[in-house]
């Protein structure tokens, strides 16, 4: 089943996608009646924000990265690894986060992945 989008909500509510975005994000520019209607329709359709879309707008992506130094083939058949990944996914899903898993060939690449993923936070000296 296709994930509902703001276009689906807009079509059903008879408003623009911009109006839907404003309504769902608590922005001014739509009436309270429209805001309530859009939120009701979003709930009926089971809509929730896309972490990928939020990442594109500069918001937090809502994803946690995990690099594993393992041969790719056994990851899918090792019951311990599948249970570990499943458990991580379950906890993250409760918090509306996703898991980004990357299988790497060696420990140097694993370290590099984590290093490249870090966000630079300026120090007071910067």
PDB file of N, CA and C in Angstrom:
ATOM      1  N   UNK A   1       0.840  -1.183   0.000  1.00  0.00           N
ATOM      2  CA  UNK A   1       0.000   0.000   0.000  1.00  0.00           C
ATOM      3  C   UNK A   1       0.884   1.244   0.000  1.00  0.00           C
ATOM      4  N   UNK A   2       0.529   2.221  -0.835  1.00  0.00           N
ATOM      5  CA  UNK A   2       1.305   3.443  -0.972  1.00  0.00           C
ATOM      6  C   UNK A   2       1.162   4.318   0.272  1.00  0.00           C
ATOM      7  N   UNK A   3       2.281   4.866   0.687  1.00  0.00           N
ATOM      8  CA  UNK A   3       2.294   5.771   1.838  1.00  0.00           C
ATOM      9  C   UNK A   3       1.575   7.069   1.465  1.00  0.00           C
ATOM     10  N   UNK A   4       0.638   7.549   2.311  1.00  0.00           N
ATOM     11  CA  UNK A   4      -0.061   8.798   1.990  1.00  0.00           C
ATOM     12  C   UNK A   4       0.901   9.995   2.005  1.00  0.00           C
ATOM     13  N   UNK A   5       0.658  10.937   1.106  1.00  0.00           N
ATOM     14  CA  UNK A   5       1.498  12.124   0.982  1.00  0.00           C
ATOM     15  C   UNK A   5       0.678  13.379   1.261  1.00  0.00           C
ATOM     16  N   UNK A   6       1.375  14.520   1.333  1.00  0.00           N
ATOM     17  CA  UNK A   6       0.631  15.767   1.525  1.00  0.00           C
ATOM     18  C   UNK A   6      -0.215  16.071   0.291  1.00  0.00           C
ATOM     19  N   UNK A   7       0.184  15.562  -0.874  1.00  0.00           N
ATOM     20  CA  UNK A   7      -0.637  15.743  -2.077  1.00  0.00           C
ATOM     21  C   UNK A   7      -1.969  15.016  -1.918  1.00  0.00           C
ATOM     22  N   UNK A   8      -1.949  13.826  -1.318  1.00  0.00           N
ATOM     23  CA  UNK A   8      -3.185  13.080  -1.069  1.00  0.00           C
ATOM     24  C   UNK A   8      -4.096  13.851  -0.112  1.00  0.00           C
ATOM     25  N   UNK A   9      -3.492  14.403   0.930  1.00  0.00           N
ATOM     26  CA  UNK A   9      -4.263  15.183   1.902  1.00  0.00           C
ATOM     27  C   UNK A   9      -4.845  16.420   1.236  1.00  0.00           C
ATOM     28  N   UNK A  10      -4.030  17.115   0.445  1.00  0.00           N
ATOM     29  CA  UNK A  10      -4.486  18.334  -0.236  1.00  0.00           C
ATOM     30  C   UNK A  10      -5.651  18.040  -1.168  1.00  0.00           C
ATOM     31  N   UNK A  11      -5.542  16.960  -1.926  1.00  0.00           N
ATOM     32  CA  UNK A  11      -6.608  16.582  -2.865  1.00  0.00           C
ATOM     33  C   UNK A  11      -7.909  16.340  -2.114  1.00  0.00           C
ATOM     34  N   UNK A  12      -7.811  15.591  -1.026  1.00  0.00           N
ATOM     35  CA  UNK A  12      -9.021  15.253  -0.254  1.00  0.00           C
ATOM     36  C   UNK A  12      -9.599  16.468   0.470  1.00  0.00           C
ATOM     37  N   UNK A  13      -8.728  17.368   0.934  1.00  0.00           N
ATOM     38  CA  UNK A  13      -9.194  18.553   1.661  1.00  0.00           C
ATOM     39  C   UNK A  13      -9.607  19.684   0.728  1.00  0.00           C
ATOM     40  N   UNK A  14      -9.223  19.590  -0.545  1.00  0.00           N
ATOM     41  CA  UNK A  14      -9.557  20.648  -1.496  1.00  0.00           C
ATOM     42  C   UNK A  14      -8.722  21.905  -1.297  1.00  0.00           C
ATOM     43  N   UNK A  15      -7.481  21.721  -0.851  1.00  0.00           N
ATOM     44  CA  UNK A  15      -6.574  22.851  -0.647  1.00  0.00           C
ATOM     45  C   UNK A  15      -5.241  22.545  -1.326  1.00  0.00           C
ATOM     46  N   UNK A  16      -4.341  23.508  -1.318  1.00  0.00           N
ATOM     47  CA  UNK A  16      -3.022  23.314  -1.931  1.00  0.00           C
ATOM     48  C   UNK A  16      -2.095  22.525  -1.003  1.00  0.00           C
ATOM     49  N   UNK A  17      -1.018  21.998  -1.587  1.00  0.00           N
ATOM     50  CA  UNK A  17      -0.013  21.307  -0.780  1.00  0.00           C
ATOM     51  C   UNK A  17       0.646  22.277   0.201  1.00  0.00           C
ATOM     52  N   UNK A  18       0.796  23.522  -0.202  1.00  0.00           N
ATOM     53  CA  UNK A  18       1.370  24.534   0.691  1.00  0.00           C
ATOM     54  C   UNK A  18       0.466  24.726   1.908  1.00  0.00           C
ATOM     55  N   UNK A  19      -0.835  24.783   1.684  1.00  0.00           N
ATOM     56  CA  UNK A  19      -1.779  24.931   2.797  1.00  0.00           C
ATOM     57  C   UNK A  19      -1.684  23.733   3.736  1.00  0.00           C
ATOM     58  N   UNK A  20      -1.548  22.541   3.174  1.00  0.00           N
ATOM     59  CA  UNK A  20      -1.405  21.341   3.999  1.00  0.00           C
ATOM     60  C   UNK A  20      -0.128  21.431   4.834  1.00  0.00           C
ATOM     61  N   UNK A  21       0.956  21.838   4.195  1.00  0.00           N
ATOM     62  CA  UNK A  21       2.228  21.975   4.906  1.00  0.00           C
ATOM     63  C   UNK A  21       2.110  22.974   6.049  1.00  0.00           C
ATOM     64  N   UNK A  22       1.506  24.125   5.775  1.00  0.00           N
ATOM     65  CA  UNK A  22       1.311  25.140   6.818  1.00  0.00           C
ATOM     66  C   UNK A  22       0.474  24.579   7.963  1.00  0.00           C
ATOM     67  N   UNK A  23      -0.603  23.880   7.610  1.00  0.00           N
ATOM     68  CA  UNK A  23      -1.511  23.348   8.628  1.00  0.00           C
ATOM     69  C   UNK A  23      -0.820  22.304   9.498  1.00  0.00           C
ATOM     70  N   UNK A  24      -0.073  21.417   8.872  1.00  0.00           N
ATOM     71  CA  UNK A  24       0.565  20.338   9.623  1.00  0.00           C
ATOM     72  C   UNK A  24       1.757  20.814  10.439  1.00  0.00           C
ATOM     73  N   UNK A  25       2.366  21.907  10.009  1.00  0.00           N
ATOM     74  CA  UNK A  25       3.544  22.417  10.701  1.00  0.00           C
ATOM     75  C   UNK A  25       3.230  23.576  11.640  1.00  0.00           C
ATOM     76  N   UNK A  26       1.946  23.871  11.830  1.00  0.00           N
ATOM     77  CA  UNK A  26       1.557  24.930  12.760  1.00  0.00           C
ATOM     78  C   UNK A  26       1.946  26.327  12.304  1.00  0.00           C
ATOM     79  N   UNK A  27       2.113  26.507  10.999  1.00  0.00           N
ATOM     80  CA  UNK A  27       2.500  27.809  10.456  1.00  0.00           C
ATOM     81  C   UNK A  27       1.270  28.684  10.229  1.00  0.00           C
ATOM     82  N   UNK A  28       1.436  30.003  10.311  1.00  0.00           N
ATOM     83  CA  UNK A  28       0.318  30.892   9.978  1.00  0.00           C
ATOM     84  C   UNK A  28       0.039  30.809   8.477  1.00  0.00           C
ATOM     85  N   UNK A  29      -1.130  31.276   8.092  1.00  0.00           N
ATOM     86  CA  UNK A  29      -1.462  31.307   6.669  1.00  0.00           C
ATOM     87  C   UNK A  29      -2.660  30.449   6.308  1.00  0.00           C
ATOM     88  N   UNK A  30      -3.172  29.685   7.262  1.00  0.00           N
ATOM     89  CA  UNK A  30      -4.397  28.915   7.035  1.00  0.00           C
ATOM     90  C   UNK A  30      -5.333  29.143   8.212  1.00  0.00           C
ATOM     91  N   UNK A  31      -6.613  29.032   7.940  1.00  0.00           N
ATOM     92  CA  UNK A  31      -7.594  29.226   9.007  1.00  0.00           C
ATOM     93  C   UNK A  31      -7.569  28.036   9.963  1.00  0.00           C
ATOM     94  N   UNK A  32      -8.097  28.255  11.148  1.00  0.00           N
ATOM     95  CA  UNK A  32      -8.163  27.160  12.126  1.00  0.00           C
ATOM     96  C   UNK A  32      -9.066  26.041  11.618  1.00  0.00           C
ATOM     97  N   UNK A  33     -10.085  26.404  10.875  1.00  0.00           N
ATOM     98  CA  UNK A  33     -10.994  25.397  10.302  1.00  0.00           C
ATOM     99  C   UNK A  33     -10.237  24.509   9.306  1.00  0.00           C
ATOM    100  N   UNK A  34      -9.455  25.146   8.430  1.00  0.00           N
ATOM    101  CA  UNK A  34      -8.660  24.392   7.459  1.00  0.00           C
ATOM    102  C   UNK A  34      -7.627  23.535   8.176  1.00  0.00           C
ATOM    103  N   UNK A  35      -6.961  24.118   9.174  1.00  0.00           N
ATOM    104  CA  UNK A  35      -5.947  23.385   9.937  1.00  0.00           C
ATOM    105  C   UNK A  35      -6.568  22.125  10.563  1.00  0.00           C
ATOM    106  N   UNK A  36      -7.729  22.266  11.177  1.00  0.00           N
ATOM    107  CA  UNK A  36      -8.396  21.131  11.818  1.00  0.00           C
ATOM    108  C   UNK A  36      -8.793  20.078  10.782  1.00  0.00           C
ATOM    109  N   UNK A  37      -9.294  20.530   9.641  1.00  0.00           N
ATOM    110  CA  UNK A  37      -9.700  19.611   8.573  1.00  0.00           C
ATOM    111  C   UNK A  37      -8.504  18.837   8.031  1.00  0.00           C
ATOM    112  N   UNK A  38      -7.419  19.549   7.786  1.00  0.00           N
ATOM    113  CA  UNK A  38      -6.211  18.908   7.253  1.00  0.00           C
ATOM    114  C   UNK A  38      -5.672  17.887   8.248  1.00  0.00           C
ATOM    115  N   UNK A  39      -5.619  18.238   9.513  1.00  0.00           N
ATOM    116  CA  UNK A  39      -5.117  17.309  10.532  1.00  0.00           C
ATOM    117  C   UNK A  39      -6.017  16.085  10.668  1.00  0.00           C
ATOM    118  N   UNK A  40      -7.327  16.289  10.570  1.00  0.00           N
ATOM    119  CA  UNK A  40      -8.267  15.161  10.646  1.00  0.00           C
ATOM    120  C   UNK A  40      -8.046  14.213   9.475  1.00  0.00           C
ATOM    121  N   UNK A  41      -7.935  14.775   8.270  1.00  0.00           N
ATOM    122  CA  UNK A  41      -7.723  13.954   7.076  1.00  0.00           C
ATOM    123  C   UNK A  41      -6.385  13.229   7.152  1.00  0.00           C
ATOM    124  N   UNK A  42      -5.348  13.922   7.608  1.00  0.00           N
ATOM    125  CA  UNK A  42      -4.028  13.295   7.745  1.00  0.00           C
ATOM    126  C   UNK A  42      -4.106  12.090   8.679  1.00  0.00           C
ATOM    127  N   UNK A  43      -4.826  12.244   9.782  1.00  0.00           N
ATOM    128  CA  UNK A  43      -4.979  11.144  10.734  1.00  0.00           C
ATOM    129  C   UNK A  43      -5.762   9.989  10.107  1.00  0.00           C
ATOM    130  N   UNK A  44      -6.826  10.314   9.382  1.00  0.00           N
ATOM    131  CA  UNK A  44      -7.629   9.276   8.727  1.00  0.00           C
ATOM    132  C   UNK A  44      -6.811   8.484   7.719  1.00  0.00           C
ATOM    133  N   UNK A  45      -5.939   9.174   6.996  1.00  0.00           N
ATOM    134  CA  UNK A  45      -5.117   8.512   5.978  1.00  0.00           C
ATOM    135  C   UNK A  45      -3.903   7.801   6.574  1.00  0.00           C
ATOM    136  N   UNK A  46      -3.629   8.071   7.846  1.00  0.00           N
ATOM    137  CA  UNK A  46      -2.456   7.468   8.471  1.00  0.00           C
ATOM    138  C   UNK A  46      -1.159   8.137   8.054  1.00  0.00           C
ATOM    139  N   UNK A  47      -1.247   9.411   7.687  1.00  0.00           N
ATOM    140  CA  UNK A  47      -0.059  10.161   7.255  1.00  0.00           C
ATOM    141  C   UNK A  47       0.835  10.468   8.441  1.00  0.00           C
ATOM    142  N   UNK A  48       2.140  10.408   8.233  1.00  0.00           N
ATOM    143  CA  UNK A  48       3.116  10.907   9.196  1.00  0.00           C
ATOM    144  C   UNK A  48       4.291  11.460   8.410  1.00  0.00           C
ATOM    145  N   UNK A  49       5.033  12.402   8.987  1.00  0.00           N
ATOM    146  CA  UNK A  49       6.116  13.051   8.251  1.00  0.00           C
ATOM    147  C   UNK A  49       7.150  12.046   7.764  1.00  0.00           C
ATOM    148  N   UNK A  50       7.651  12.284   6.583  1.00  0.00           N
ATOM    149  CA  UNK A  50       8.709  11.459   6.008  1.00  0.00           C
ATOM    150  C   UNK A  50      10.055  11.945   6.524  1.00  0.00           C
ATOM    151  N   UNK A  51      10.837  11.043   7.095  1.00  0.00           N
ATOM    152  CA  UNK A  51      12.153  11.457   7.583  1.00  0.00           C
ATOM    153  C   UNK A  51      13.042  11.897   6.431  1.00  0.00           C
ATOM    154  N   UNK A  52      12.882  11.303   5.270  1.00  0.00           N
ATOM    155  CA  UNK A  52      13.671  11.715   4.100  1.00  0.00           C
ATOM    156  C   UNK A  52      13.299  13.136   3.686  1.00  0.00           C
ATOM    157  N   UNK A  53      12.013  13.439   3.686  1.00  0.00           N
ATOM    158  CA  UNK A  53      11.583  14.789   3.314  1.00  0.00           C
ATOM    159  C   UNK A  53      12.062  15.815   4.331  1.00  0.00           C
ATOM    160  N   UNK A  54      11.998  15.456   5.615  1.00  0.00           N
ATOM    161  CA  UNK A  54      12.473  16.387   6.643  1.00  0.00           C
ATOM    162  C   UNK A  54      13.974  16.647   6.492  1.00  0.00           C
ATOM    163  N   UNK A  55      14.707  15.626   6.113  1.00  0.00           N
ATOM    164  CA  UNK A  55      16.151  15.797   5.931  1.00  0.00           C
ATOM    165  C   UNK A  55      16.436  16.771   4.794  1.00  0.00           C
ATOM    166  N   UNK A  56      15.619  16.728   3.752  1.00  0.00           N
ATOM    167  CA  UNK A  56      15.821  17.625   2.612  1.00  0.00           C
ATOM    168  C   UNK A  56      15.534  19.076   2.958  1.00  0.00           C
ATOM    169  N   UNK A  57      14.702  19.299   3.954  1.00  0.00           N
ATOM    170  CA  UNK A  57      14.372  20.666   4.338  1.00  0.00           C
ATOM    171  C   UNK A  57      15.303  21.212   5.400  1.00  0.00           C
ATOM    172  N   UNK A  58      16.293  20.443   5.770  1.00  0.00           N
ATOM    173  CA  UNK A  58      17.258  20.904   6.757  1.00  0.00           C
ATOM    174  C   UNK A  58      16.887  20.554   8.178  1.00  0.00           C
ATOM    175  N   UNK A  59      15.761  19.890   8.360  1.00  0.00           N
ATOM    176  CA  UNK A  59      15.386  19.439   9.689  1.00  0.00           C
ATOM    177  C   UNK A  59      16.180  18.186  10.031  1.00  0.00           C
ATOM    178  N   UNK A  60      16.023  17.720  11.242  1.00  0.00           N
ATOM    179  CA  UNK A  60      16.683  16.477  11.616  1.00  0.00           C
ATOM    180  C   UNK A  60      16.124  15.336  10.791  1.00  0.00           C
ATOM    181  N   UNK A  61      16.989  14.452  10.385  1.00  0.00           N
ATOM    182  CA  UNK A  61      16.577  13.340   9.532  1.00  0.00           C
ATOM    183  C   UNK A  61      15.848  12.250  10.306  1.00  0.00           C
ATOM    184  N   UNK A  62      16.069  12.162  11.595  1.00  0.00           N
ATOM    185  CA  UNK A  62      15.412  11.119  12.367  1.00  0.00           C
ATOM    186  C   UNK A  62      15.963   9.744  12.022  1.00  0.00           C
ATOM    187  N   UNK A  63      17.251   9.663  11.777  1.00  0.00           N
ATOM    188  CA  UNK A  63      17.870   8.391  11.429  1.00  0.00           C
ATOM    189  C   UNK A  63      19.116   8.178  12.282  1.00  0.00           C
ATOM    190  N   UNK A  64      19.387   6.922  12.558  1.00  0.00           N
ATOM    191  CA  UNK A  64      20.577   6.537  13.296  1.00  0.00           C
ATOM    192  C   UNK A  64      21.397   5.640  12.379  1.00  0.00           C
ATOM    193  N   UNK A  65      22.678   5.941  12.270  1.00  0.00           N
ATOM    194  CA  UNK A  65      23.540   5.161  11.395  1.00  0.00           C
ATOM    195  C   UNK A  65      24.295   4.084  12.154  1.00  0.00           C
ATOM    196  N   UNK A  66      24.469   2.940  11.513  1.00  0.00           N
ATOM    197  CA  UNK A  66      25.233   1.837  12.078  1.00  0.00           C
ATOM    198  C   UNK A  66      26.084   1.247  10.968  1.00  0.00           C
ATOM    199  N   UNK A  67      27.381   1.235  11.167  1.00  0.00           N
ATOM    200  CA  UNK A  67      28.301   0.588  10.228  1.00  0.00           C
ATOM    201  C   UNK A  67      28.748  -0.728  10.846  1.00  0.00           C
ATOM    202  N   UNK A  68      28.708  -1.793  10.056  1.00  0.00           N
ATOM    203  CA  UNK A  68      29.116  -3.113  10.543  1.00  0.00           C
ATOM    204  C   UNK A  68      30.225  -3.656   9.674  1.00  0.00           C
ATOM    205  N   UNK A  69      31.304  -4.019  10.308  1.00  0.00           N
ATOM    206  CA  UNK A  69      32.428  -4.627   9.610  1.00  0.00           C
ATOM    207  C   UNK A  69      32.181  -6.138   9.587  1.00  0.00           C
ATOM    208  N   UNK A  70      31.469  -6.591   8.565  1.00  0.00           N
ATOM    209  CA  UNK A  70      31.126  -8.006   8.428  1.00  0.00           C
ATOM    210  C   UNK A  70      30.964  -8.301   6.952  1.00  0.00           C
ATOM    211  N   UNK A  71      31.163  -9.532   6.569  1.00  0.00           N
ATOM    212  CA  UNK A  71      30.818  -9.891   5.192  1.00  0.00           C
ATOM    213  C   UNK A  71      29.311  -9.727   4.997  1.00  0.00           C
ATOM    214  N   UNK A  72      28.888  -9.155   3.890  1.00  0.00           N
ATOM    215  CA  UNK A  72      27.474  -8.842   3.676  1.00  0.00           C
ATOM    216  C   UNK A  72      26.581 -10.076   3.662  1.00  0.00           C
ATOM    217  N   UNK A  73      27.010 -11.164   3.031  1.00  0.00           N
ATOM    218  CA  UNK A  73      26.151 -12.338   2.881  1.00  0.00           C
ATOM    219  C   UNK A  73      25.689 -12.918   4.221  1.00  0.00           C
ATOM    220  N   UNK A  74      26.572 -13.135   5.190  1.00  0.00           N
ATOM    221  CA  UNK A  74      26.114 -13.744   6.452  1.00  0.00           C
ATOM    222  C   UNK A  74      25.184 -12.867   7.290  1.00  0.00           C
ATOM    223  N   UNK A  75      25.187 -11.558   7.076  1.00  0.00           N
ATOM    224  CA  UNK A  75      24.337 -10.693   7.888  1.00  0.00           C
ATOM    225  C   UNK A  75      22.877 -11.119   7.767  1.00  0.00           C
ATOM    226  N   UNK A  76      22.456 -11.505   6.593  1.00  0.00           N
ATOM    227  CA  UNK A  76      21.068 -11.896   6.371  1.00  0.00           C
ATOM    228  C   UNK A  76      20.697 -13.249   6.924  1.00  0.00           C
ATOM    229  N   UNK A  77      21.687 -14.070   7.263  1.00  0.00           N
ATOM    230  CA  UNK A  77      21.364 -15.413   7.739  1.00  0.00           C
ATOM    231  C   UNK A  77      21.784 -15.660   9.186  1.00  0.00           C
ATOM    232  N   UNK A  78      22.618 -14.820   9.752  1.00  0.00           N
ATOM    233  CA  UNK A  78      23.028 -14.985  11.149  1.00  0.00           C
ATOM    234  C   UNK A  78      21.885 -14.522  12.048  1.00  0.00           C
ATOM    235  N   UNK A  79      21.321 -15.450  12.812  1.00  0.00           N
ATOM    236  CA  UNK A  79      20.140 -15.111  13.613  1.00  0.00           C
ATOM    237  C   UNK A  79      20.452 -14.029  14.652  1.00  0.00           C
ATOM    238  N   UNK A  80      21.642 -14.061  15.243  1.00  0.00           N
ATOM    239  CA  UNK A  80      21.977 -13.036  16.234  1.00  0.00           C
ATOM    240  C   UNK A  80      21.946 -11.648  15.610  1.00  0.00           C
ATOM    241  N   UNK A  81      22.573 -11.502  14.449  1.00  0.00           N
ATOM    242  CA  UNK A  81      22.611 -10.186  13.801  1.00  0.00           C
ATOM    243  C   UNK A  81      21.221  -9.723  13.403  1.00  0.00           C
ATOM    244  N   UNK A  82      20.406 -10.640  12.894  1.00  0.00           N
ATOM    245  CA  UNK A  82      19.042 -10.261  12.507  1.00  0.00           C
ATOM    246  C   UNK A  82      18.233  -9.845  13.734  1.00  0.00           C
ATOM    247  N   UNK A  83      18.415 -10.524  14.852  1.00  0.00           N
ATOM    248  CA  UNK A  83      17.710 -10.145  16.075  1.00  0.00           C
ATOM    249  C   UNK A  83      18.207  -8.806  16.598  1.00  0.00           C
ATOM    250  N   UNK A  84      19.518  -8.579  16.519  1.00  0.00           N
ATOM    251  CA  UNK A  84      20.093  -7.299  16.943  1.00  0.00           C
ATOM    252  C   UNK A  84      19.527  -6.156  16.106  1.00  0.00           C
ATOM    253  N   UNK A  85      19.568  -6.306  14.796  1.00  0.00           N
ATOM    254  CA  UNK A  85      19.069  -5.262  13.904  1.00  0.00           C
ATOM    255  C   UNK A  85      17.575  -5.057  14.111  1.00  0.00           C
ATOM    256  N   UNK A  86      16.837  -6.145  14.253  1.00  0.00           N
ATOM    257  CA  UNK A  86      15.392  -6.055  14.487  1.00  0.00           C
ATOM    258  C   UNK A  86      15.084  -5.323  15.792  1.00  0.00           C
ATOM    259  N   UNK A  87      15.855  -5.609  16.840  1.00  0.00           N
ATOM    260  CA  UNK A  87      15.652  -4.933  18.123  1.00  0.00           C
ATOM    261  C   UNK A  87      15.947  -3.443  18.039  1.00  0.00           C
ATOM    262  N   UNK A  88      17.032  -3.097  17.353  1.00  0.00           N
ATOM    263  CA  UNK A  88      17.372  -1.681  17.167  1.00  0.00           C
ATOM    264  C   UNK A  88      16.256  -0.981  16.396  1.00  0.00           C
ATOM    265  N   UNK A  89      15.803  -1.618  15.312  1.00  0.00           N
ATOM    266  CA  UNK A  89      14.715  -1.049  14.501  1.00  0.00           C
ATOM    267  C   UNK A  89      13.452  -0.835  15.327  1.00  0.00           C
ATOM    268  N   UNK A  90      13.109  -1.796  16.171  1.00  0.00           N
ATOM    269  CA  UNK A  90      11.887  -1.692  16.972  1.00  0.00           C
ATOM    270  C   UNK A  90      11.943  -0.502  17.921  1.00  0.00           C
ATOM    271  N   UNK A  91      13.073  -0.317  18.584  1.00  0.00           N
ATOM    272  CA  UNK A  91      13.212   0.807  19.514  1.00  0.00           C
ATOM    273  C   UNK A  91      13.187   2.128  18.763  1.00  0.00           C
ATOM    274  N   UNK A  92      13.882   2.195  17.628  1.00  0.00           N
ATOM    275  CA  UNK A  92      13.904   3.432  16.846  1.00  0.00           C
ATOM    276  C   UNK A  92      12.523   3.762  16.284  1.00  0.00           C
ATOM    277  N   UNK A  93      11.794   2.752  15.844  1.00  0.00           N
ATOM    278  CA  UNK A  93      10.459   2.974  15.281  1.00  0.00           C
ATOM    279  C   UNK A  93       9.518   3.588  16.307  1.00  0.00           C
ATOM    280  N   UNK A  94       9.666   3.198  17.568  1.00  0.00           N
ATOM    281  CA  UNK A  94       8.840   3.787  18.631  1.00  0.00           C
ATOM    282  C   UNK A  94       9.076   5.287  18.746  1.00  0.00           C
ATOM    283  N   UNK A  95      10.243   5.716  18.330  1.00  0.00           N
ATOM    284  CA  UNK A  95      10.617   7.135  18.412  1.00  0.00           C
ATOM    285  C   UNK A  95      10.562   7.823  17.051  1.00  0.00           C
ATOM    286  N   UNK A  96       9.945   7.142  16.064  1.00  0.00           N
ATOM    287  CA  UNK A  96       9.805   7.661  14.704  1.00  0.00           C
ATOM    288  C   UNK A  96      11.172   7.966  14.072  1.00  0.00           C
ATOM    289  N   UNK A  97      12.126   7.078  14.322  1.00  0.00           N
ATOM    290  CA  UNK A  97      13.446   7.172  13.720  1.00  0.00           C
ATOM    291  C   UNK A  97      13.681   5.938  12.853  1.00  0.00           C
ATOM    292  N   UNK A  98      14.638   6.050  11.967  1.00  0.00           N
ATOM    293  CA  UNK A  98      14.985   4.945  11.082  1.00  0.00           C
ATOM    294  C   UNK A  98      16.422   4.508  11.341  1.00  0.00           C
ATOM    295  N   UNK A  99      16.731   3.306  10.915  1.00  0.00           N
ATOM    296  CA  UNK A  99      18.095   2.795  11.015  1.00  0.00           C
ATOM    297  C   UNK A  99      18.720   2.798   9.632  1.00  0.00           C
ATOM    298  N   UNK A 100      19.886   3.389   9.529  1.00  0.00           N
ATOM    299  CA  UNK A 100      20.637   3.357   8.283  1.00  0.00           C
ATOM    300  C   UNK A 100      21.819   2.429   8.515  1.00  0.00           C
ATOM    301  N   UNK A 101      21.795   1.277   7.871  1.00  0.00           N
ATOM    302  CA  UNK A 101      22.810   0.259   8.067  1.00  0.00           C
ATOM    303  C   UNK A 101      23.755   0.242   6.873  1.00  0.00           C
ATOM    304  N   UNK A 102      25.040   0.225   7.164  1.00  0.00           N
ATOM    305  CA  UNK A 102      26.037   0.130   6.098  1.00  0.00           C
ATOM    306  C   UNK A 102      27.013  -0.985   6.450  1.00  0.00           C
ATOM    307  N   UNK A 103      27.129  -1.960   5.558  1.00  0.00           N
ATOM    308  CA  UNK A 103      28.082  -3.049   5.735  1.00  0.00           C
ATOM    309  C   UNK A 103      29.389  -2.607   5.089  1.00  0.00           C
ATOM    310  N   UNK A 104      30.477  -2.709   5.829  1.00  0.00           N
ATOM    311  CA  UNK A 104      31.781  -2.248   5.329  1.00  0.00           C
ATOM    312  C   UNK A 104      32.777  -3.406   5.360  1.00  0.00           C
ATOM    313  N   UNK A 105      33.797  -3.348   4.499  1.00  0.00           N
ATOM    314  CA  UNK A 105      34.721  -4.486   4.373  1.00  0.00           C
ATOM    315  C   UNK A 105      35.781  -4.614   5.463  1.00  0.00           C
ATOM    316  N   UNK A 106      36.095  -3.501   6.150  1.00  0.00           N
ATOM    317  CA  UNK A 106      37.159  -3.580   7.152  1.00  0.00           C
ATOM    318  C   UNK A 106      36.981  -2.493   8.206  1.00  0.00           C
ATOM    319  N   UNK A 107      37.773  -2.601   9.266  1.00  0.00           N
ATOM    320  CA  UNK A 107      37.637  -1.666  10.387  1.00  0.00           C
ATOM    321  C   UNK A 107      38.038  -0.237  10.011  1.00  0.00           C
ATOM    322  N   UNK A 108      38.992  -0.094   9.086  1.00  0.00           N
ATOM    323  CA  UNK A 108      39.373   1.255   8.651  1.00  0.00           C
ATOM    324  C   UNK A 108      38.191   1.952   7.982  1.00  0.00           C
ATOM    325  N   UNK A 109      37.463   1.218   7.136  1.00  0.00           N
ATOM    326  CA  UNK A 109      36.287   1.802   6.460  1.00  0.00           C
ATOM    327  C   UNK A 109      35.180   2.096   7.468  1.00  0.00           C
ATOM    328  N   UNK A 110      35.023   1.240   8.468  1.00  0.00           N
ATOM    329  CA  UNK A 110      34.019   1.459   9.511  1.00  0.00           C
ATOM    330  C   UNK A 110      34.300   2.777  10.244  1.00  0.00           C
ATOM    331  N   UNK A 111      35.560   2.979  10.608  1.00  0.00           N
ATOM    332  CA  UNK A 111      35.962   4.213  11.278  1.00  0.00           C
ATOM    333  C   UNK A 111      35.739   5.413  10.373  1.00  0.00           C
ATOM    334  N   UNK A 112      36.050   5.257   9.094  1.00  0.00           N
ATOM    335  CA  UNK A 112      35.870   6.341   8.126  1.00  0.00           C
ATOM    336  C   UNK A 112      34.390   6.713   7.983  1.00  0.00           C
ATOM    337  N   UNK A 113      33.522   5.715   7.949  1.00  0.00           N
ATOM    338  CA  UNK A 113      32.075   5.971   7.836  1.00  0.00           C
ATOM    339  C   UNK A 113      31.602   6.788   9.024  1.00  0.00           C
ATOM    340  N   UNK A 114      32.006   6.390  10.222  1.00  0.00           N
ATOM    341  CA  UNK A 114      31.589   7.136  11.406  1.00  0.00           C
ATOM    342  C   UNK A 114      32.172   8.544  11.404  1.00  0.00           C
ATOM    343  N   UNK A 115      33.413   8.665  10.996  1.00  0.00           N
ATOM    344  CA  UNK A 115      34.049   9.989  10.947  1.00  0.00           C
ATOM    345  C   UNK A 115      33.330  10.898   9.954  1.00  0.00           C
ATOM    346  N   UNK A 116      33.001  10.380   8.779  1.00  0.00           N
ATOM    347  CA  UNK A 116      32.326  11.175   7.761  1.00  0.00           C
ATOM    348  C   UNK A 116      30.903  11.540   8.163  1.00  0.00           C
ATOM    349  N   UNK A 117      30.309  10.737   9.036  1.00  0.00           N
ATOM    350  CA  UNK A 117      28.925  10.968   9.444  1.00  0.00           C
ATOM    351  C   UNK A 117      28.793  12.012  10.537  1.00  0.00           C
ATOM    352  N   UNK A 118      29.872  12.319  11.210  1.00  0.00           N
ATOM    353  CA  UNK A 118      29.798  13.277  12.304  1.00  0.00           C
ATOM    354  C   UNK A 118      29.535  14.677  11.781  1.00  0.00           C
ATOM    355  N   UNK A 119      28.696  15.379  12.475  1.00  0.00           N
ATOM    356  CA  UNK A 119      28.385  16.768  12.128  1.00  0.00           C
ATOM    357  C   UNK A 119      29.356  17.651  12.878  1.00  0.00           C
ATOM    358  N   UNK A 120      29.932  18.597  12.192  1.00  0.00           N
ATOM    359  CA  UNK A 120      30.869  19.512  12.841  1.00  0.00           C
ATOM    360  C   UNK A 120      30.099  20.484  13.711  1.00  0.00           C
ATOM    361  N   UNK A 121      30.420  20.493  14.966  1.00  0.00           N
ATOM    362  CA  UNK A 121      29.830  21.442  15.895  1.00  0.00           C
ATOM    363  C   UNK A 121      30.938  22.437  16.253  1.00  0.00           C
ATOM    364  N   UNK A 122      30.776  23.690  15.871  1.00  0.00           N
ATOM    365  CA  UNK A 122      31.845  24.647  16.116  1.00  0.00           C
ATOM    366  C   UNK A 122      32.156  24.789  17.603  1.00  0.00           C
ATOM    367  N   UNK A 123      33.428  24.895  17.891  1.00  0.00           N
ATOM    368  CA  UNK A 123      33.836  25.170  19.268  1.00  0.00           C
ATOM    369  C   UNK A 123      33.839  26.678  19.459  1.00  0.00           C
ATOM    370  N   UNK A 124      33.935  27.144  20.688  1.00  0.00           N
ATOM    371  CA  UNK A 124      33.954  28.591  20.916  1.00  0.00           C
ATOM    372  C   UNK A 124      35.124  29.276  20.194  1.00  0.00           C
ATOM    373  N   UNK A 125      36.170  28.511  19.873  1.00  0.00           N
ATOM    374  CA  UNK A 125      37.334  29.097  19.200  1.00  0.00           C
ATOM    375  C   UNK A 125      37.111  29.252  17.698  1.00  0.00           C
ATOM    376  N   UNK A 126      36.106  28.559  17.117  1.00  0.00           N
ATOM    377  CA  UNK A 126      35.862  28.631  15.669  1.00  0.00           C
ATOM    378  C   UNK A 126      35.281  29.953  15.230  1.00  0.00           C
TER     379      UNK A 126
END
